[in-house]
N, C-alpha and C. Protein backbone atom coordinates (compact mmCIF):
# COMPACT_ATOMS: atom_id res chain seq x y z
N UNK A 1 24.42 1.63 -67.76
CA UNK A 1 25.80 1.23 -67.98
C UNK A 1 26.40 0.87 -66.64
N UNK A 2 27.18 -0.16 -66.64
CA UNK A 2 27.86 -0.61 -65.44
C UNK A 2 29.36 -0.55 -65.71
N UNK A 3 30.07 0.15 -64.86
CA UNK A 3 31.51 0.30 -64.99
C UNK A 3 32.17 -0.47 -63.87
N UNK A 4 33.12 -1.31 -64.20
CA UNK A 4 33.77 -2.15 -63.21
C UNK A 4 35.27 -1.87 -63.22
N UNK A 5 35.79 -1.57 -62.06
CA UNK A 5 37.22 -1.34 -61.93
C UNK A 5 37.80 -2.50 -61.13
N UNK A 6 38.82 -3.11 -61.64
CA UNK A 6 39.39 -4.23 -60.91
C UNK A 6 40.79 -4.56 -61.35
N UNK A 7 41.27 -5.62 -60.78
CA UNK A 7 42.57 -6.17 -61.14
C UNK A 7 42.38 -7.68 -61.18
N UNK A 8 42.59 -8.28 -62.32
CA UNK A 8 42.27 -9.69 -62.53
C UNK A 8 42.89 -10.64 -61.52
N UNK A 9 44.00 -10.25 -60.91
CA UNK A 9 44.68 -11.14 -59.97
C UNK A 9 44.17 -11.03 -58.54
N UNK A 10 43.43 -9.99 -58.23
CA UNK A 10 42.93 -9.78 -56.87
C UNK A 10 41.78 -10.75 -56.58
N UNK A 11 41.78 -11.33 -55.39
CA UNK A 11 40.77 -12.33 -55.01
C UNK A 11 39.36 -11.77 -55.09
N UNK A 12 39.14 -10.59 -54.55
CA UNK A 12 37.80 -9.99 -54.58
C UNK A 12 37.37 -9.73 -56.02
N UNK A 13 38.28 -9.23 -56.82
CA UNK A 13 37.96 -8.94 -58.23
C UNK A 13 37.60 -10.22 -58.98
N UNK A 14 38.32 -11.30 -58.70
CA UNK A 14 38.02 -12.57 -59.35
C UNK A 14 36.59 -13.01 -59.05
N UNK A 15 36.19 -12.87 -57.78
CA UNK A 15 34.84 -13.24 -57.38
C UNK A 15 33.82 -12.35 -58.08
N UNK A 16 34.09 -11.06 -58.15
CA UNK A 16 33.18 -10.13 -58.83
C UNK A 16 33.07 -10.46 -60.32
N UNK A 17 34.18 -10.76 -60.93
CA UNK A 17 34.20 -11.05 -62.37
C UNK A 17 33.29 -12.22 -62.70
N UNK A 18 33.32 -13.28 -61.89
CA UNK A 18 32.45 -14.44 -62.12
C UNK A 18 30.98 -14.02 -62.08
N UNK A 19 30.63 -13.23 -61.08
CA UNK A 19 29.24 -12.78 -60.94
C UNK A 19 28.86 -11.85 -62.09
N UNK A 20 29.74 -10.94 -62.43
CA UNK A 20 29.43 -9.95 -63.47
C UNK A 20 29.41 -10.57 -64.87
N UNK A 21 30.22 -11.60 -65.09
CA UNK A 21 30.16 -12.31 -66.37
C UNK A 21 28.78 -12.94 -66.55
N UNK A 22 28.27 -13.52 -65.47
CA UNK A 22 26.93 -14.12 -65.51
C UNK A 22 25.88 -13.02 -65.69
N UNK A 23 26.02 -11.93 -64.97
CA UNK A 23 25.06 -10.82 -65.05
C UNK A 23 25.01 -10.25 -66.46
N UNK A 24 26.15 -10.17 -67.10
CA UNK A 24 26.20 -9.61 -68.46
C UNK A 24 25.35 -10.44 -69.42
N UNK A 25 25.28 -11.74 -69.20
CA UNK A 25 24.44 -12.61 -70.03
C UNK A 25 22.96 -12.42 -69.73
N UNK A 26 22.65 -12.08 -68.48
CA UNK A 26 21.26 -11.95 -68.05
C UNK A 26 20.67 -10.56 -68.29
N UNK A 27 21.49 -9.53 -68.18
CA UNK A 27 21.03 -8.16 -68.33
C UNK A 27 21.46 -7.64 -69.71
N UNK A 28 20.69 -8.01 -70.72
CA UNK A 28 21.04 -7.68 -72.11
C UNK A 28 20.99 -6.18 -72.40
N UNK A 29 20.22 -5.44 -71.62
CA UNK A 29 20.05 -4.01 -71.88
C UNK A 29 21.06 -3.15 -71.13
N UNK A 30 22.01 -3.78 -70.45
CA UNK A 30 23.03 -3.06 -69.68
C UNK A 30 24.37 -3.18 -70.40
N UNK A 31 25.05 -2.07 -70.55
CA UNK A 31 26.39 -2.05 -71.12
C UNK A 31 27.40 -2.25 -70.00
N UNK A 32 28.19 -3.29 -70.08
CA UNK A 32 29.21 -3.60 -69.07
C UNK A 32 30.58 -3.18 -69.61
N UNK A 33 31.27 -2.33 -68.89
CA UNK A 33 32.62 -1.90 -69.24
C UNK A 33 33.53 -2.20 -68.05
N UNK A 34 34.74 -2.61 -68.34
CA UNK A 34 35.66 -2.86 -67.23
C UNK A 34 37.06 -2.42 -67.63
N UNK A 35 37.84 -2.12 -66.60
CA UNK A 35 39.24 -1.77 -66.81
C UNK A 35 40.02 -2.06 -65.54
N UNK A 36 41.33 -2.13 -65.70
CA UNK A 36 42.21 -2.38 -64.56
C UNK A 36 42.85 -1.08 -64.10
N UNK A 37 42.72 -0.82 -62.82
CA UNK A 37 43.23 0.43 -62.26
C UNK A 37 44.73 0.59 -62.48
N UNK A 38 45.47 -0.50 -62.38
CA UNK A 38 46.93 -0.41 -62.53
C UNK A 38 47.34 -0.07 -63.95
N UNK A 39 46.52 -0.44 -64.93
CA UNK A 39 46.83 -0.16 -66.33
C UNK A 39 46.20 1.13 -66.83
N UNK A 40 45.03 1.46 -66.29
CA UNK A 40 44.26 2.61 -66.76
C UNK A 40 44.08 3.63 -65.64
N UNK A 41 45.19 4.10 -65.12
CA UNK A 41 45.17 5.02 -63.98
C UNK A 41 44.43 6.32 -64.27
N UNK A 42 44.50 6.80 -65.49
CA UNK A 42 43.85 8.06 -65.84
C UNK A 42 42.32 7.94 -65.75
N UNK A 43 41.78 6.81 -66.18
CA UNK A 43 40.33 6.60 -66.08
C UNK A 43 39.92 6.60 -64.61
N UNK A 44 40.66 5.87 -63.79
CA UNK A 44 40.36 5.81 -62.35
C UNK A 44 40.42 7.20 -61.73
N UNK A 45 41.40 7.96 -62.10
CA UNK A 45 41.55 9.32 -61.56
C UNK A 45 40.37 10.20 -61.96
N UNK A 46 40.00 10.17 -63.23
CA UNK A 46 38.90 11.00 -63.72
C UNK A 46 37.58 10.65 -63.03
N UNK A 47 37.40 9.37 -62.68
CA UNK A 47 36.14 8.93 -62.07
C UNK A 47 36.20 8.92 -60.55
N UNK A 48 37.35 9.29 -59.98
CA UNK A 48 37.48 9.31 -58.53
C UNK A 48 37.41 7.94 -57.90
N UNK A 49 37.98 6.96 -58.60
CA UNK A 49 37.98 5.58 -58.11
C UNK A 49 39.35 5.26 -57.52
N UNK A 50 39.35 4.93 -56.23
CA UNK A 50 40.60 4.67 -55.52
C UNK A 50 40.84 3.20 -55.21
N UNK A 51 39.82 2.36 -55.38
CA UNK A 51 39.93 0.96 -54.97
C UNK A 51 39.70 0.03 -56.15
N UNK A 52 40.41 -1.07 -56.18
CA UNK A 52 40.34 -2.02 -57.29
C UNK A 52 38.96 -2.63 -57.46
N UNK A 53 38.27 -2.87 -56.39
CA UNK A 53 37.03 -3.63 -56.46
C UNK A 53 35.80 -2.72 -56.49
N UNK A 54 35.82 -1.74 -57.34
CA UNK A 54 34.74 -0.76 -57.41
C UNK A 54 33.81 -1.05 -58.60
N UNK A 55 32.51 -1.01 -58.31
CA UNK A 55 31.48 -1.13 -59.34
C UNK A 55 30.71 0.19 -59.33
N UNK A 56 30.57 0.79 -60.50
CA UNK A 56 29.85 2.05 -60.61
C UNK A 56 28.72 1.86 -61.63
N UNK A 57 27.52 2.29 -61.25
CA UNK A 57 26.36 2.17 -62.12
C UNK A 57 25.95 3.57 -62.58
N UNK A 58 25.78 3.71 -63.88
CA UNK A 58 25.35 4.97 -64.48
C UNK A 58 24.00 4.78 -65.17
N UNK A 59 23.15 5.79 -65.06
CA UNK A 59 21.91 5.85 -65.83
C UNK A 59 21.78 7.26 -66.36
N UNK A 60 21.46 7.37 -67.63
CA UNK A 60 21.33 8.68 -68.27
C UNK A 60 22.57 9.54 -68.04
N UNK A 61 23.74 8.93 -68.17
CA UNK A 61 25.03 9.60 -68.02
C UNK A 61 25.31 10.15 -66.62
N UNK A 62 24.58 9.66 -65.62
CA UNK A 62 24.81 10.10 -64.24
C UNK A 62 25.07 8.88 -63.36
N UNK A 63 26.01 9.03 -62.45
CA UNK A 63 26.28 7.95 -61.50
C UNK A 63 25.11 7.83 -60.54
N UNK A 64 24.59 6.60 -60.40
CA UNK A 64 23.46 6.38 -59.49
C UNK A 64 23.82 5.45 -58.33
N UNK A 65 24.85 4.65 -58.50
CA UNK A 65 25.28 3.73 -57.45
C UNK A 65 26.79 3.50 -57.55
N UNK A 66 27.39 3.25 -56.39
CA UNK A 66 28.81 2.91 -56.35
C UNK A 66 28.99 1.92 -55.21
N UNK A 67 29.73 0.85 -55.49
CA UNK A 67 29.96 -0.18 -54.49
C UNK A 67 31.44 -0.56 -54.50
N UNK A 68 31.98 -0.78 -53.32
CA UNK A 68 33.40 -1.16 -53.21
C UNK A 68 33.48 -2.50 -52.47
N UNK A 69 34.11 -3.48 -53.11
CA UNK A 69 34.37 -4.76 -52.46
C UNK A 69 33.19 -5.70 -52.36
N UNK A 70 32.12 -5.41 -53.04
CA UNK A 70 30.93 -6.25 -52.94
C UNK A 70 31.13 -7.56 -53.69
N UNK A 71 30.89 -8.69 -53.00
CA UNK A 71 31.03 -10.00 -53.62
C UNK A 71 29.75 -10.82 -53.53
N UNK A 72 28.70 -10.25 -52.97
CA UNK A 72 27.42 -10.95 -52.83
C UNK A 72 26.62 -10.78 -54.13
N UNK A 73 26.29 -11.90 -54.75
CA UNK A 73 25.61 -11.86 -56.05
C UNK A 73 24.30 -11.08 -55.98
N UNK A 74 23.49 -11.34 -54.96
CA UNK A 74 22.19 -10.66 -54.84
C UNK A 74 22.37 -9.15 -54.74
N UNK A 75 23.36 -8.71 -53.99
CA UNK A 75 23.59 -7.27 -53.83
C UNK A 75 24.12 -6.64 -55.10
N UNK A 76 24.98 -7.35 -55.81
CA UNK A 76 25.47 -6.84 -57.10
C UNK A 76 24.32 -6.73 -58.09
N UNK A 77 23.44 -7.73 -58.12
CA UNK A 77 22.29 -7.67 -59.01
C UNK A 77 21.37 -6.52 -58.63
N UNK A 78 21.22 -6.25 -57.35
CA UNK A 78 20.43 -5.09 -56.91
C UNK A 78 21.01 -3.79 -57.47
N UNK A 79 22.34 -3.69 -57.42
CA UNK A 79 23.01 -2.49 -57.98
C UNK A 79 22.66 -2.34 -59.46
N UNK A 80 22.74 -3.43 -60.19
CA UNK A 80 22.49 -3.39 -61.63
C UNK A 80 21.05 -2.97 -61.90
N UNK A 81 20.13 -3.47 -61.10
CA UNK A 81 18.71 -3.17 -61.31
C UNK A 81 18.32 -1.77 -60.87
N UNK A 82 19.15 -1.12 -60.06
CA UNK A 82 18.77 0.18 -59.50
C UNK A 82 18.65 1.26 -60.55
């Protein structure tokens, strides 16, 4: 599962969204969830997410990777594959 925290108007988030939209089509076995920190503050608080451009990867209900501000497609794909 891939959890994405962002804000649709933020430049970094916009870049991530384009990459992640493409990734969602390519990684059929990955569940992609996203939310906006400004609207869903409780979710961000529970997960300890302080920054809008955070990507969190979970496997078997455990966090295995976390990235903040990453906009490089290859690196984001590496996160997903990890």
